């Protein structure tokens, strides 16, 4: 039997922010985390690191498997180098409180995660918690089974601006991670990541009440902050306040660092900064998803196709680039085959 946690009211429902990276997930979490009722730590990666790798569903507190799951959960923030968060969960007494809370929940990994997040939220004086882990877009079915009343915000962005931002992501990371991050980019690989993430909308359409989730386009939130955040608040079940818009500008983006507010200067930057040989890939391989989300391709009569030789070079590089990315990201991905399957399955199934 699978342990499932059902939150009976919207006021108690957790909030999951998912989607491709570099598509506004951090910005949305910053906005919602500034609300008095919602707590958002850094990315937890619980579903990727622990929930998806468990050998069994029923894991009891105090058992050997339970101790291992507890230790790994407490080590998530340290593994991903979120210092403020690991200091919070490694503070004196937190482990003991977590064990007791988990026991009260009746065990199981959903109970462990609920206890882990709720205990942190209470420590910050907030009644509700949320999780901002973009790659959880590939764990939506399990999340919705564990938390049937959860609210889900699926973030997206024009895939060409996504490619451009992902291409430059290494510039915003620590020196020790820069070579790893640089190896993750290839226009086809990155396009398929965006496409697979957007295909996950089918799960929400099929399994979840429309009022419980929202597609959040980056372009909407930066060009109409108040209107979009009001709709987000309605979906989540919190009151809108003007000061929710007073966040550090664009957060993990490059623009406006250190200033306050939400700016739209990165919208459509791909038109000037992304080579045609790269912007062609999402238009070719994710055109259906782009159309559904109202992202129009560039005018072919004006920009045309990239040269055959350039496209051929990218296709030849693709398998080697993919292998290099998997090798570089191995410590973060766990077993490679399940990791690849989770990301490729949305593309292989019918839309």
C-alpha atoms as a PDB file:
ATOM      1  CA  UNK A   1       0.000   0.000   0.000  1.00  0.00           C
ATOM      2  CA  UNK A   2       1.299   3.456  -0.928  1.00  0.00           C
ATOM      3  CA  UNK A   3       1.311   6.183   1.695  1.00  0.00           C
ATOM      4  CA  UNK A   4      -0.562   9.231   0.412  1.00  0.00           C
ATOM      5  CA  UNK A   5      -1.012  12.569   2.123  1.00  0.00           C
ATOM      6  CA  UNK A   6      -4.205  14.399   1.325  1.00  0.00           C
ATOM      7  CA  UNK A   7      -4.478  18.038   2.320  1.00  0.00           C
ATOM      8  CA  UNK A   8      -8.171  18.761   2.849  1.00  0.00           C
ATOM      9  CA  UNK A   9      -8.135  22.475   2.131  1.00  0.00           C
ATOM     10  CA  UNK A  10      -6.492  24.882  -0.257  1.00  0.00           C
ATOM     11  CA  UNK A  11      -5.073  26.749   2.725  1.00  0.00           C
ATOM     12  CA  UNK A  12      -2.993  23.685   3.672  1.00  0.00           C
ATOM     13  CA  UNK A  13      -1.969  22.547   0.181  1.00  0.00           C
ATOM     14  CA  UNK A  14       1.738  22.553  -0.686  1.00  0.00           C
ATOM     15  CA  UNK A  15       2.882  24.403  -3.799  1.00  0.00           C
ATOM     16  CA  UNK A  16       5.200  22.837  -6.388  1.00  0.00           C
ATOM     17  CA  UNK A  17       6.978  25.082  -8.913  1.00  0.00           C
ATOM     18  CA  UNK A  18       8.317  23.055 -11.828  1.00  0.00           C
ATOM     19  CA  UNK A  19       9.467  23.495 -15.412  1.00  0.00           C
ATOM     20  CA  UNK A  20      12.668  23.800 -17.406  1.00  0.00           C
ATOM     21  CA  UNK A  21      15.468  25.702 -15.648  1.00  0.00           C
ATOM     22  CA  UNK A  22      16.018  29.344 -16.585  1.00  0.00           C
ATOM     23  CA  UNK A  23      12.266  29.802 -17.167  1.00  0.00           C
ATOM     24  CA  UNK A  24      11.233  31.859 -14.153  1.00  0.00           C
ATOM     25  CA  UNK A  25      10.957  29.185 -11.458  1.00  0.00           C
ATOM     26  CA  UNK A  26      13.319  31.068  -9.144  1.00  0.00           C
ATOM     27  CA  UNK A  27      11.476  34.320  -9.734  1.00  0.00           C
ATOM     28  CA  UNK A  28       8.091  32.764  -8.935  1.00  0.00           C
ATOM     29  CA  UNK A  29       9.480  31.128  -5.784  1.00  0.00           C
ATOM     30  CA  UNK A  30      10.986  34.450  -4.684  1.00  0.00           C
ATOM     31  CA  UNK A  31       7.634  36.178  -5.166  1.00  0.00           C
ATOM     32  CA  UNK A  32       5.605  33.555  -3.312  1.00  0.00           C
ATOM     33  CA  UNK A  33       8.252  33.044  -0.639  1.00  0.00           C
ATOM     34  CA  UNK A  34       7.932  36.699   0.343  1.00  0.00           C
ATOM     35  CA  UNK A  35       4.313  36.055   1.372  1.00  0.00           C
ATOM     36  CA  UNK A  36       3.692  35.707   5.098  1.00  0.00           C
ATOM     37  CA  UNK A  37       1.907  32.364   4.610  1.00  0.00           C
ATOM     38  CA  UNK A  38       4.354  30.537   2.324  1.00  0.00           C
ATOM     39  CA  UNK A  39       7.815  29.115   2.928  1.00  0.00           C
ATOM     40  CA  UNK A  40      10.139  28.187   0.077  1.00  0.00           C
ATOM     41  CA  UNK A  41      13.630  26.844   0.754  1.00  0.00           C
ATOM     42  CA  UNK A  42      16.165  26.299  -2.011  1.00  0.00           C
ATOM     43  CA  UNK A  43      15.637  23.420  -4.427  1.00  0.00           C
ATOM     44  CA  UNK A  44      15.227  20.174  -2.481  1.00  0.00           C
ATOM     45  CA  UNK A  45      15.623  17.549  -5.259  1.00  0.00           C
ATOM     46  CA  UNK A  46      13.785  15.133  -2.936  1.00  0.00           C
ATOM     47  CA  UNK A  47      11.828  13.435  -5.713  1.00  0.00           C
ATOM     48  CA  UNK A  48      14.851  12.988  -7.954  1.00  0.00           C
ATOM     49  CA  UNK A  49      17.306  11.972  -5.239  1.00  0.00           C
ATOM     50  CA  UNK A  50      15.181   9.960  -2.810  1.00  0.00           C
ATOM     51  CA  UNK A  51      11.594   9.313  -3.833  1.00  0.00           C
ATOM     52  CA  UNK A  52      12.368   7.968  -7.324  1.00  0.00           C
ATOM     53  CA  UNK A  53      15.246   5.782  -6.117  1.00  0.00           C
ATOM     54  CA  UNK A  54      13.483   4.072  -3.218  1.00  0.00           C
ATOM     55  CA  UNK A  55      13.365   0.286  -3.396  1.00  0.00           C
ATOM     56  CA  UNK A  56      10.020   0.138  -1.621  1.00  0.00           C
ATOM     57  CA  UNK A  57       7.014   2.343  -0.975  1.00  0.00           C
ATOM     58  CA  UNK A  58       6.582   1.738   2.749  1.00  0.00           C
ATOM     59  CA  UNK A  59       9.667   2.979   4.571  1.00  0.00           C
ATOM     60  CA  UNK A  60       9.286   3.058   8.330  1.00  0.00           C
ATOM     61  CA  UNK A  61      11.000   5.491  10.695  1.00  0.00           C
ATOM     62  CA  UNK A  62      13.686   3.727  12.695  1.00  0.00           C
ATOM     63  CA  UNK A  63      14.261   0.955  10.134  1.00  0.00           C
ATOM     64  CA  UNK A  64      17.552   0.655   8.258  1.00  0.00           C
ATOM     65  CA  UNK A  65      15.877   2.007   5.120  1.00  0.00           C
ATOM     66  CA  UNK A  66      14.249   4.753   7.153  1.00  0.00           C
ATOM     67  CA  UNK A  67      17.542   5.868   8.665  1.00  0.00           C
ATOM     68  CA  UNK A  68      19.127   5.964   5.237  1.00  0.00           C
ATOM     69  CA  UNK A  69      16.248   8.016   3.801  1.00  0.00           C
ATOM     70  CA  UNK A  70      16.358  10.377   6.778  1.00  0.00           C
ATOM     71  CA  UNK A  71      20.108  10.926   6.452  1.00  0.00           C
ATOM     72  CA  UNK A  72      19.894  11.524   2.726  1.00  0.00           C
ATOM     73  CA  UNK A  73      17.025  13.974   3.140  1.00  0.00           C
ATOM     74  CA  UNK A  74      18.953  15.959   5.724  1.00  0.00           C
ATOM     75  CA  UNK A  75      21.951  15.986   3.375  1.00  0.00           C
ATOM     76  CA  UNK A  76      20.149  17.304   0.282  1.00  0.00           C
ATOM     77  CA  UNK A  77      20.885  20.988   0.815  1.00  0.00           C
ATOM     78  CA  UNK A  78      24.550  20.326   1.557  1.00  0.00           C
ATOM     79  CA  UNK A  79      24.896  18.178  -1.565  1.00  0.00           C
ATOM     80  CA  UNK A  80      23.522  21.015  -3.695  1.00  0.00           C
ATOM     81  CA  UNK A  81      25.530  23.652  -1.808  1.00  0.00           C
ATOM     82  CA  UNK A  82      22.667  25.667  -0.319  1.00  0.00           C
ATOM     83  CA  UNK A  83      24.460  26.843   2.795  1.00  0.00           C
ATOM     84  CA  UNK A  84      21.641  28.787   4.477  1.00  0.00           C
ATOM     85  CA  UNK A  85      19.327  25.811   4.094  1.00  0.00           C
ATOM     86  CA  UNK A  86      21.731  23.165   5.307  1.00  0.00           C
ATOM     87  CA  UNK A  87      22.455  25.268   8.376  1.00  0.00           C
ATOM     88  CA  UNK A  88      18.717  25.332   9.093  1.00  0.00           C
ATOM     89  CA  UNK A  89      18.225  21.558   8.890  1.00  0.00           C
ATOM     90  CA  UNK A  90      21.495  20.726  10.634  1.00  0.00           C
ATOM     91  CA  UNK A  91      20.704  22.943  13.634  1.00  0.00           C
ATOM     92  CA  UNK A  92      20.551  21.311  17.051  1.00  0.00           C
ATOM     93  CA  UNK A  93      17.342  19.415  17.625  1.00  0.00           C
ATOM     94  CA  UNK A  94      16.070  19.454  14.039  1.00  0.00           C
ATOM     95  CA  UNK A  95      16.802  15.791  13.341  1.00  0.00           C
ATOM     96  CA  UNK A  96      15.069  14.649  16.508  1.00  0.00           C
ATOM     97  CA  UNK A  97      12.033  16.799  15.758  1.00  0.00           C
ATOM     98  CA  UNK A  98      11.936  15.466  12.203  1.00  0.00           C
ATOM     99  CA  UNK A  99      12.046  11.849  13.375  1.00  0.00           C
ATOM    100  CA  UNK A 100       9.190  12.474  15.802  1.00  0.00           C
ATOM    101  CA  UNK A 101       7.095  14.310  13.207  1.00  0.00           C
ATOM    102  CA  UNK A 102       7.684  11.594  10.629  1.00  0.00           C
ATOM    103  CA  UNK A 103       6.566   8.953  13.131  1.00  0.00           C
ATOM    104  CA  UNK A 104       3.381  10.925  13.736  1.00  0.00           C
ATOM    105  CA  UNK A 105       2.738  10.977   9.964  1.00  0.00           C
ATOM    106  CA  UNK A 106       2.770   7.210   9.889  1.00  0.00           C
ATOM    107  CA  UNK A 107       5.989   6.755   7.932  1.00  0.00           C
ATOM    108  CA  UNK A 108       6.423   6.490   4.195  1.00  0.00           C
ATOM    109  CA  UNK A 109       8.435   8.817   1.989  1.00  0.00           C
ATOM    110  CA  UNK A 110       5.565  11.286   1.435  1.00  0.00           C
ATOM    111  CA  UNK A 111       5.330  11.570   5.205  1.00  0.00           C
ATOM    112  CA  UNK A 112       9.067  12.164   5.465  1.00  0.00           C
ATOM    113  CA  UNK A 113       8.951  14.952   2.900  1.00  0.00           C
ATOM    114  CA  UNK A 114       5.841  16.527   4.430  1.00  0.00           C
ATOM    115  CA  UNK A 115       7.513  16.470   7.862  1.00  0.00           C
ATOM    116  CA  UNK A 116      10.803  17.836   6.529  1.00  0.00           C
ATOM    117  CA  UNK A 117       9.167  20.770   4.775  1.00  0.00           C
ATOM    118  CA  UNK A 118       6.510  21.571   7.380  1.00  0.00           C
ATOM    119  CA  UNK A 119       9.067  21.620  10.179  1.00  0.00           C
ATOM    120  CA  UNK A 120      11.172  24.174   8.308  1.00  0.00           C
ATOM    121  CA  UNK A 121       8.122  26.294   7.498  1.00  0.00           C
ATOM    122  CA  UNK A 122       7.072  26.333  11.142  1.00  0.00           C
ATOM    123  CA  UNK A 123      10.568  27.374  12.139  1.00  0.00           C
ATOM    124  CA  UNK A 124      10.162  30.390   9.857  1.00  0.00           C
ATOM    125  CA  UNK A 125       6.735  31.159  11.306  1.00  0.00           C
ATOM    126  CA  UNK A 126       4.817  30.180   8.151  1.00  0.00           C
ATOM    127  CA  UNK A 127       1.842  27.811   7.940  1.00  0.00           C
ATOM    128  CA  UNK A 128       2.446  26.499   4.409  1.00  0.00           C
ATOM    129  CA  UNK A 129       5.367  25.255   2.381  1.00  0.00           C
ATOM    130  CA  UNK A 130       6.323  25.032  -1.261  1.00  0.00           C
ATOM    131  CA  UNK A 131       9.051  23.333  -3.258  1.00  0.00           C
ATOM    132  CA  UNK A 132      10.852  24.982  -6.160  1.00  0.00           C
ATOM    133  CA  UNK A 133      12.733  22.183  -7.928  1.00  0.00           C
ATOM    134  CA  UNK A 134      12.454  22.620 -11.724  1.00  0.00           C
ATOM    135  CA  UNK A 135      13.301  19.020 -12.624  1.00  0.00           C
ATOM    136  CA  UNK A 136      10.320  17.803 -10.576  1.00  0.00           C
ATOM    137  CA  UNK A 137       8.380  18.433 -13.779  1.00  0.00           C
ATOM    138  CA  UNK A 138       9.408  14.842 -14.572  1.00  0.00           C
ATOM    139  CA  UNK A 139       7.931  13.552 -11.302  1.00  0.00           C
ATOM    140  CA  UNK A 140       4.474  15.089 -11.552  1.00  0.00           C
ATOM    141  CA  UNK A 141       2.527  11.843 -11.444  1.00  0.00           C
ATOM    142  CA  UNK A 142       4.222  10.783  -8.234  1.00  0.00           C
ATOM    143  CA  UNK A 143       3.876  14.242  -6.672  1.00  0.00           C
ATOM    144  CA  UNK A 144       0.155  14.367  -7.446  1.00  0.00           C
ATOM    145  CA  UNK A 145      -0.306  10.869  -6.030  1.00  0.00           C
ATOM    146  CA  UNK A 146       1.518  11.862  -2.837  1.00  0.00           C
ATOM    147  CA  UNK A 147      -0.175  15.261  -2.465  1.00  0.00           C
ATOM    148  CA  UNK A 148      -3.553  15.170  -4.257  1.00  0.00           C
ATOM    149  CA  UNK A 149      -4.477  18.700  -3.169  1.00  0.00           C
ATOM    150  CA  UNK A 150      -1.162  20.304  -4.133  1.00  0.00           C
ATOM    151  CA  UNK A 151      -1.035  23.404  -6.292  1.00  0.00           C
ATOM    152  CA  UNK A 152       1.296  23.180  -9.290  1.00  0.00           C
ATOM    153  CA  UNK A 153       2.836  26.094 -11.187  1.00  0.00           C
ATOM    154  CA  UNK A 154       4.412  24.982 -14.460  1.00  0.00           C
ATOM    155  CA  UNK A 155       6.826  27.652 -15.695  1.00  0.00           C
ATOM    156  CA  UNK A 156       7.892  28.085 -19.291  1.00  0.00           C
ATOM    157  CA  UNK A 157       9.637  30.530 -21.596  1.00  0.00           C
ATOM    158  CA  UNK A 158      10.207  31.013 -25.309  1.00  0.00           C
ATOM    159  CA  UNK A 159      12.537  28.058 -26.000  1.00  0.00           C
ATOM    160  CA  UNK A 160      14.950  30.279 -27.945  1.00  0.00           C
ATOM    161  CA  UNK A 161      15.395  32.600 -24.968  1.00  0.00           C
ATOM    162  CA  UNK A 162      15.671  29.436 -22.875  1.00  0.00           C
ATOM    163  CA  UNK A 163      18.509  28.200 -25.077  1.00  0.00           C
ATOM    164  CA  UNK A 164      20.294  31.532 -24.819  1.00  0.00           C
ATOM    165  CA  UNK A 165      19.960  31.678 -21.035  1.00  0.00           C
ATOM    166  CA  UNK A 166      20.965  28.019 -20.609  1.00  0.00           C
ATOM    167  CA  UNK A 167      23.951  28.556 -22.871  1.00  0.00           C
ATOM    168  CA  UNK A 168      25.209  31.290 -20.532  1.00  0.00           C
ATOM    169  CA  UNK A 169      24.249  29.591 -17.277  1.00  0.00           C
ATOM    170  CA  UNK A 170      27.857  28.637 -16.526  1.00  0.00           C
ATOM    171  CA  UNK A 171      28.740  32.319 -16.094  1.00  0.00           C
ATOM    172  CA  UNK A 172      26.480  32.467 -13.024  1.00  0.00           C
ATOM    173  CA  UNK A 173      27.833  29.457 -11.190  1.00  0.00           C
ATOM    174  CA  UNK A 174      30.823  28.814  -8.939  1.00  0.00           C
ATOM    175  CA  UNK A 175      34.188  28.240 -10.604  1.00  0.00           C
ATOM    176  CA  UNK A 176      34.225  24.601  -9.518  1.00  0.00           C
ATOM    177  CA  UNK A 177      30.984  23.947 -11.454  1.00  0.00           C
ATOM    178  CA  UNK A 178      31.599  26.009 -14.579  1.00  0.00           C
ATOM    179  CA  UNK A 179      33.072  23.280 -16.778  1.00  0.00           C
ATOM    180  CA  UNK A 180      30.252  20.897 -15.810  1.00  0.00           C
ATOM    181  CA  UNK A 181      27.544  23.457 -16.577  1.00  0.00           C
ATOM    182  CA  UNK A 182      29.119  24.401 -19.912  1.00  0.00           C
ATOM    183  CA  UNK A 183      29.134  20.762 -20.994  1.00  0.00           C
ATOM    184  CA  UNK A 184      25.359  20.497 -20.544  1.00  0.00           C
ATOM    185  CA  UNK A 185      24.485  22.802 -23.430  1.00  0.00           C
ATOM    186  CA  UNK A 186      23.810  21.690 -26.965  1.00  0.00           C
ATOM    187  CA  UNK A 187      20.983  23.265 -29.008  1.00  0.00           C
ATOM    188  CA  UNK A 188      19.305  19.929 -29.707  1.00  0.00           C
ATOM    189  CA  UNK A 189      19.733  18.513 -26.185  1.00  0.00           C
ATOM    190  CA  UNK A 190      18.429  21.721 -24.649  1.00  0.00           C
ATOM    191  CA  UNK A 191      15.521  21.876 -27.094  1.00  0.00           C
ATOM    192  CA  UNK A 192      14.504  18.320 -26.188  1.00  0.00           C
ATOM    193  CA  UNK A 193      14.669  19.196 -22.485  1.00  0.00           C
ATOM    194  CA  UNK A 194      12.245  22.073 -23.043  1.00  0.00           C
ATOM    195  CA  UNK A 195       9.989  19.942 -25.271  1.00  0.00           C
ATOM    196  CA  UNK A 196       9.845  17.073 -22.760  1.00  0.00           C
ATOM    197  CA  UNK A 197       9.042  19.492 -19.940  1.00  0.00           C
ATOM    198  CA  UNK A 198       6.168  21.027 -21.881  1.00  0.00           C
ATOM    199  CA  UNK A 199       4.810  17.599 -22.802  1.00  0.00           C
ATOM    200  CA  UNK A 200       4.240  17.076 -19.063  1.00  0.00           C
ATOM    201  CA  UNK A 201       1.289  19.450 -19.345  1.00  0.00           C
ATOM    202  CA  UNK A 202      -0.575  16.408 -20.582  1.00  0.00           C
ATOM    203  CA  UNK A 203      -0.350  14.861 -17.120  1.00  0.00           C
ATOM    204  CA  UNK A 204      -1.847  17.956 -15.538  1.00  0.00           C
ATOM    205  CA  UNK A 205      -4.558  18.177 -18.192  1.00  0.00           C
ATOM    206  CA  UNK A 206      -5.456  14.538 -17.705  1.00  0.00           C
ATOM    207  CA  UNK A 207      -5.121  14.008 -13.970  1.00  0.00           C
ATOM    208  CA  UNK A 208      -5.582  17.314 -12.218  1.00  0.00           C
ATOM    209  CA  UNK A 209      -8.412  19.827 -11.722  1.00  0.00           C
ATOM    210  CA  UNK A 210      -7.859  22.892 -13.865  1.00  0.00           C
ATOM    211  CA  UNK A 211      -8.121  25.203 -10.862  1.00  0.00           C
ATOM    212  CA  UNK A 212      -5.266  23.410  -9.082  1.00  0.00           C
ATOM    213  CA  UNK A 213      -2.523  24.278 -11.554  1.00  0.00           C
ATOM    214  CA  UNK A 214      -1.372  27.114 -13.778  1.00  0.00           C
ATOM    215  CA  UNK A 215       0.957  27.542 -16.715  1.00  0.00           C
ATOM    216  CA  UNK A 216       3.190  30.539 -15.955  1.00  0.00           C
ATOM    217  CA  UNK A 217       4.884  32.026 -18.986  1.00  0.00           C
ATOM    218  CA  UNK A 218       8.020  33.993 -18.166  1.00  0.00           C
ATOM    219  CA  UNK A 219       7.019  36.620 -20.716  1.00  0.00           C
ATOM    220  CA  UNK A 220       3.688  37.180 -18.952  1.00  0.00           C
ATOM    221  CA  UNK A 221       5.129  37.544 -15.495  1.00  0.00           C
ATOM    222  CA  UNK A 222       7.752  40.106 -16.564  1.00  0.00           C
ATOM    223  CA  UNK A 223       5.524  42.150 -18.896  1.00  0.00           C
ATOM    224  CA  UNK A 224       2.372  42.057 -16.732  1.00  0.00           C
ATOM    225  CA  UNK A 225       3.648  41.345 -13.217  1.00  0.00           C
ATOM    226  CA  UNK A 226       0.576  42.399 -11.286  1.00  0.00           C
ATOM    227  CA  UNK A 227      -1.975  40.645 -13.473  1.00  0.00           C
ATOM    228  CA  UNK A 228       0.029  37.425 -13.636  1.00  0.00           C
ATOM    229  CA  UNK A 229       0.906  37.349  -9.935  1.00  0.00           C
ATOM    230  CA  UNK A 230      -2.734  37.968  -9.047  1.00  0.00           C
ATOM    231  CA  UNK A 231      -3.652  34.879 -11.061  1.00  0.00           C
ATOM    232  CA  UNK A 232      -0.852  32.885  -9.428  1.00  0.00           C
ATOM    233  CA  UNK A 233      -2.104  33.914  -5.994  1.00  0.00           C
ATOM    234  CA  UNK A 234      -5.624  32.836  -6.915  1.00  0.00           C
ATOM    235  CA  UNK A 235      -4.377  29.427  -8.043  1.00  0.00           C
ATOM    236  CA  UNK A 236      -2.231  28.967  -4.947  1.00  0.00           C
ATOM    237  CA  UNK A 237      -4.905  30.283  -2.578  1.00  0.00           C
ATOM    238  CA  UNK A 238      -3.265  33.327  -1.003  1.00  0.00           C
ATOM    239  CA  UNK A 239      -4.118  37.014  -0.962  1.00  0.00           C
ATOM    240  CA  UNK A 240      -2.330  39.268  -3.442  1.00  0.00           C
ATOM    241  CA  UNK A 241      -0.273  42.110  -1.983  1.00  0.00           C
ATOM    242  CA  UNK A 242       1.578  44.823  -3.867  1.00  0.00           C
ATOM    243  CA  UNK A 243       4.834  44.098  -2.039  1.00  0.00           C
ATOM    244  CA  UNK A 244       4.976  40.625  -3.616  1.00  0.00           C
ATOM    245  CA  UNK A 245       6.314  42.370  -6.714  1.00  0.00           C
ATOM    246  CA  UNK A 246       9.193  43.964  -4.797  1.00  0.00           C
ATOM    247  CA  UNK A 247      11.692  41.160  -5.356  1.00  0.00           C
ATOM    248  CA  UNK A 248      15.332  41.103  -6.378  1.00  0.00           C
ATOM    249  CA  UNK A 249      15.097  41.641 -10.103  1.00  0.00           C
ATOM    250  CA  UNK A 250      15.099  38.504 -12.248  1.00  0.00           C
ATOM    251  CA  UNK A 251      16.866  36.551  -9.532  1.00  0.00           C
ATOM    252  CA  UNK A 252      18.964  33.968 -11.379  1.00  0.00           C
ATOM    253  CA  UNK A 253      18.939  35.900 -14.636  1.00  0.00           C
ATOM    254  CA  UNK A 254      21.684  38.273 -15.736  1.00  0.00           C
ATOM    255  CA  UNK A 255      19.759  41.533 -15.808  1.00  0.00           C
ATOM    256  CA  UNK A 256      19.222  43.980 -12.991  1.00  0.00           C
ATOM    257  CA  UNK A 257      21.279  42.120 -10.426  1.00  0.00           C
ATOM    258  CA  UNK A 258      21.048  43.772  -7.027  1.00  0.00           C
ATOM    259  CA  UNK A 259      18.101  46.017  -7.950  1.00  0.00           C
ATOM    260  CA  UNK A 260      14.474  45.501  -7.023  1.00  0.00           C
ATOM    261  CA  UNK A 261      11.458  44.771  -9.151  1.00  0.00           C
ATOM    262  CA  UNK A 262      10.630  42.711 -12.217  1.00  0.00           C
ATOM    263  CA  UNK A 263      11.985  43.664 -15.639  1.00  0.00           C
ATOM    264  CA  UNK A 264      11.381  42.402 -19.154  1.00  0.00           C
ATOM    265  CA  UNK A 265      14.689  43.229 -20.834  1.00  0.00           C
ATOM    266  CA  UNK A 266      15.515  39.560 -21.467  1.00  0.00           C
ATOM    267  CA  UNK A 267      12.335  38.869 -23.468  1.00  0.00           C
ATOM    268  CA  UNK A 268      13.136  38.133 -27.140  1.00  0.00           C
ATOM    269  CA  UNK A 269      16.840  38.663 -26.606  1.00  0.00           C
ATOM    270  CA  UNK A 270      17.381  35.551 -28.699  1.00  0.00           C
ATOM    271  CA  UNK A 271      16.601  37.596 -31.821  1.00  0.00           C
ATOM    272  CA  UNK A 272      19.866  39.504 -31.444  1.00  0.00           C
ATOM    273  CA  UNK A 273      22.069  37.136 -29.454  1.00  0.00           C
ATOM    274  CA  UNK A 274      21.263  33.544 -30.475  1.00  0.00           C
ATOM    275  CA  UNK A 275      22.776  32.351 -33.776  1.00  0.00           C
ATOM    276  CA  UNK A 276      20.260  31.188 -36.354  1.00  0.00           C
ATOM    277  CA  UNK A 277      21.962  27.801 -36.426  1.00  0.00           C
ATOM    278  CA  UNK A 278      20.760  27.345 -32.826  1.00  0.00           C
ATOM    279  CA  UNK A 279      17.366  29.102 -32.821  1.00  0.00           C
ATOM    280  CA  UNK A 280      16.381  26.796 -35.695  1.00  0.00           C
ATOM    281  CA  UNK A 281      16.379  23.709 -33.438  1.00  0.00           C
ATOM    282  CA  UNK A 282      13.337  24.518 -31.248  1.00  0.00           C
ATOM    283  CA  UNK A 283      11.397  25.723 -34.297  1.00  0.00           C
ATOM    284  CA  UNK A 284      12.145  22.438 -36.044  1.00  0.00           C
ATOM    285  CA  UNK A 285      11.836  19.959 -33.176  1.00  0.00           C
ATOM    286  CA  UNK A 286       9.412  21.647 -30.755  1.00  0.00           C
ATOM    287  CA  UNK A 287       7.176  23.542 -33.151  1.00  0.00           C
ATOM    288  CA  UNK A 288       3.928  21.967 -31.890  1.00  0.00           C
ATOM    289  CA  UNK A 289       4.693  22.885 -28.289  1.00  0.00           C
ATOM    290  CA  UNK A 290       5.703  26.390 -29.316  1.00  0.00           C
ATOM    291  CA  UNK A 291       2.424  26.892 -31.144  1.00  0.00           C
ATOM    292  CA  UNK A 292       0.381  25.635 -28.208  1.00  0.00           C
ATOM    293  CA  UNK A 293       2.093  28.143 -25.937  1.00  0.00           C
ATOM    294  CA  UNK A 294       1.838  31.012 -28.453  1.00  0.00           C
ATOM    295  CA  UNK A 295       5.541  31.210 -29.249  1.00  0.00           C
ATOM    296  CA  UNK A 296       5.718  32.091 -32.916  1.00  0.00           C
ATOM    297  CA  UNK A 297       8.699  30.966 -34.988  1.00  0.00           C
ATOM    298  CA  UNK A 298      10.868  33.582 -36.595  1.00  0.00           C
ATOM    299  CA  UNK A 299       9.892  34.697 -40.061  1.00  0.00           C
ATOM    300  CA  UNK A 300      11.508  32.080 -42.359  1.00  0.00           C
ATOM    301  CA  UNK A 301      11.475  34.518 -45.285  1.00  0.00           C
ATOM    302  CA  UNK A 302      13.551  36.914 -43.236  1.00  0.00           C
ATOM    303  CA  UNK A 303      15.889  34.668 -41.274  1.00  0.00           C
ATOM    304  CA  UNK A 304      15.870  31.505 -43.370  1.00  0.00           C
ATOM    305  CA  UNK A 305      17.459  28.193 -42.479  1.00  0.00           C
ATOM    306  CA  UNK A 306      20.979  27.930 -41.165  1.00  0.00           C
ATOM    307  CA  UNK A 307      23.508  26.524 -43.583  1.00  0.00           C
ATOM    308  CA  UNK A 308      23.451  22.780 -44.109  1.00  0.00           C
ATOM    309  CA  UNK A 309      27.051  22.423 -42.974  1.00  0.00           C
ATOM    310  CA  UNK A 310      26.378  24.130 -39.644  1.00  0.00           C
ATOM    311  CA  UNK A 311      23.315  22.010 -38.973  1.00  0.00           C
ATOM    312  CA  UNK A 312      25.208  18.859 -39.900  1.00  0.00           C
ATOM    313  CA  UNK A 313      28.007  19.790 -37.495  1.00  0.00           C
ATOM    314  CA  UNK A 314      25.516  20.116 -34.616  1.00  0.00           C
ATOM    315  CA  UNK A 315      23.942  16.743 -35.441  1.00  0.00           C
ATOM    316  CA  UNK A 316      27.359  15.067 -35.532  1.00  0.00           C
ATOM    317  CA  UNK A 317      28.272  16.658 -32.200  1.00  0.00           C
ATOM    318  CA  UNK A 318      24.989  15.671 -30.561  1.00  0.00           C
ATOM    319  CA  UNK A 319      25.744  12.114 -29.308  1.00  0.00           C
ATOM    320  CA  UNK A 320      29.194  13.109 -28.077  1.00  0.00           C
ATOM    321  CA  UNK A 321      27.787  16.189 -26.378  1.00  0.00           C
ATOM    322  CA  UNK A 322      25.055  14.114 -24.735  1.00  0.00           C
ATOM    323  CA  UNK A 323      27.547  11.565 -23.423  1.00  0.00           C
ATOM    324  CA  UNK A 324      29.804  14.330 -22.112  1.00  0.00           C
ATOM    325  CA  UNK A 325      26.857  15.980 -20.369  1.00  0.00           C
ATOM    326  CA  UNK A 326      25.763  12.714 -18.758  1.00  0.00           C
ATOM    327  CA  UNK A 327      29.301  12.009 -17.597  1.00  0.00           C
ATOM    328  CA  UNK A 328      29.755  15.505 -16.170  1.00  0.00           C
ATOM    329  CA  UNK A 329      26.362  15.446 -14.454  1.00  0.00           C
ATOM    330  CA  UNK A 330      26.634  11.878 -13.160  1.00  0.00           C
ATOM    331  CA  UNK A 331      26.943  12.861  -9.462  1.00  0.00           C
ATOM    332  CA  UNK A 332      23.694  14.841  -9.783  1.00  0.00           C
ATOM    333  CA  UNK A 333      21.614  12.396 -11.829  1.00  0.00           C
ATOM    334  CA  UNK A 334      21.939   9.037 -10.121  1.00  0.00           C
ATOM    335  CA  UNK A 335      21.453   5.930 -12.303  1.00  0.00           C
ATOM    336  CA  UNK A 336      21.649   7.044 -15.929  1.00  0.00           C
ATOM    337  CA  UNK A 337      18.989   4.826 -17.528  1.00  0.00           C
ATOM    338  CA  UNK A 338      16.101   5.860 -15.235  1.00  0.00           C
ATOM    339  CA  UNK A 339      17.250   9.470 -15.546  1.00  0.00           C
ATOM    340  CA  UNK A 340      17.179   9.332 -19.360  1.00  0.00           C
ATOM    341  CA  UNK A 341      13.875   7.472 -19.417  1.00  0.00           C
ATOM    342  CA  UNK A 342      12.146  10.099 -17.277  1.00  0.00           C
ATOM    343  CA  UNK A 343      13.254  12.815 -19.669  1.00  0.00           C
ATOM    344  CA  UNK A 344      12.685  10.974 -22.929  1.00  0.00           C
ATOM    345  CA  UNK A 345       9.355   9.319 -22.094  1.00  0.00           C
ATOM    346  CA  UNK A 346       7.322  12.548 -22.509  1.00  0.00           C
ATOM    347  CA  UNK A 347       8.737  12.980 -26.016  1.00  0.00           C
ATOM    348  CA  UNK A 348       8.095   9.376 -27.027  1.00  0.00           C
ATOM    349  CA  UNK A 349       4.484   9.246 -25.887  1.00  0.00           C
ATOM    350  CA  UNK A 350       1.701  10.799 -27.911  1.00  0.00           C
ATOM    351  CA  UNK A 351       0.872  14.408 -27.039  1.00  0.00           C
END
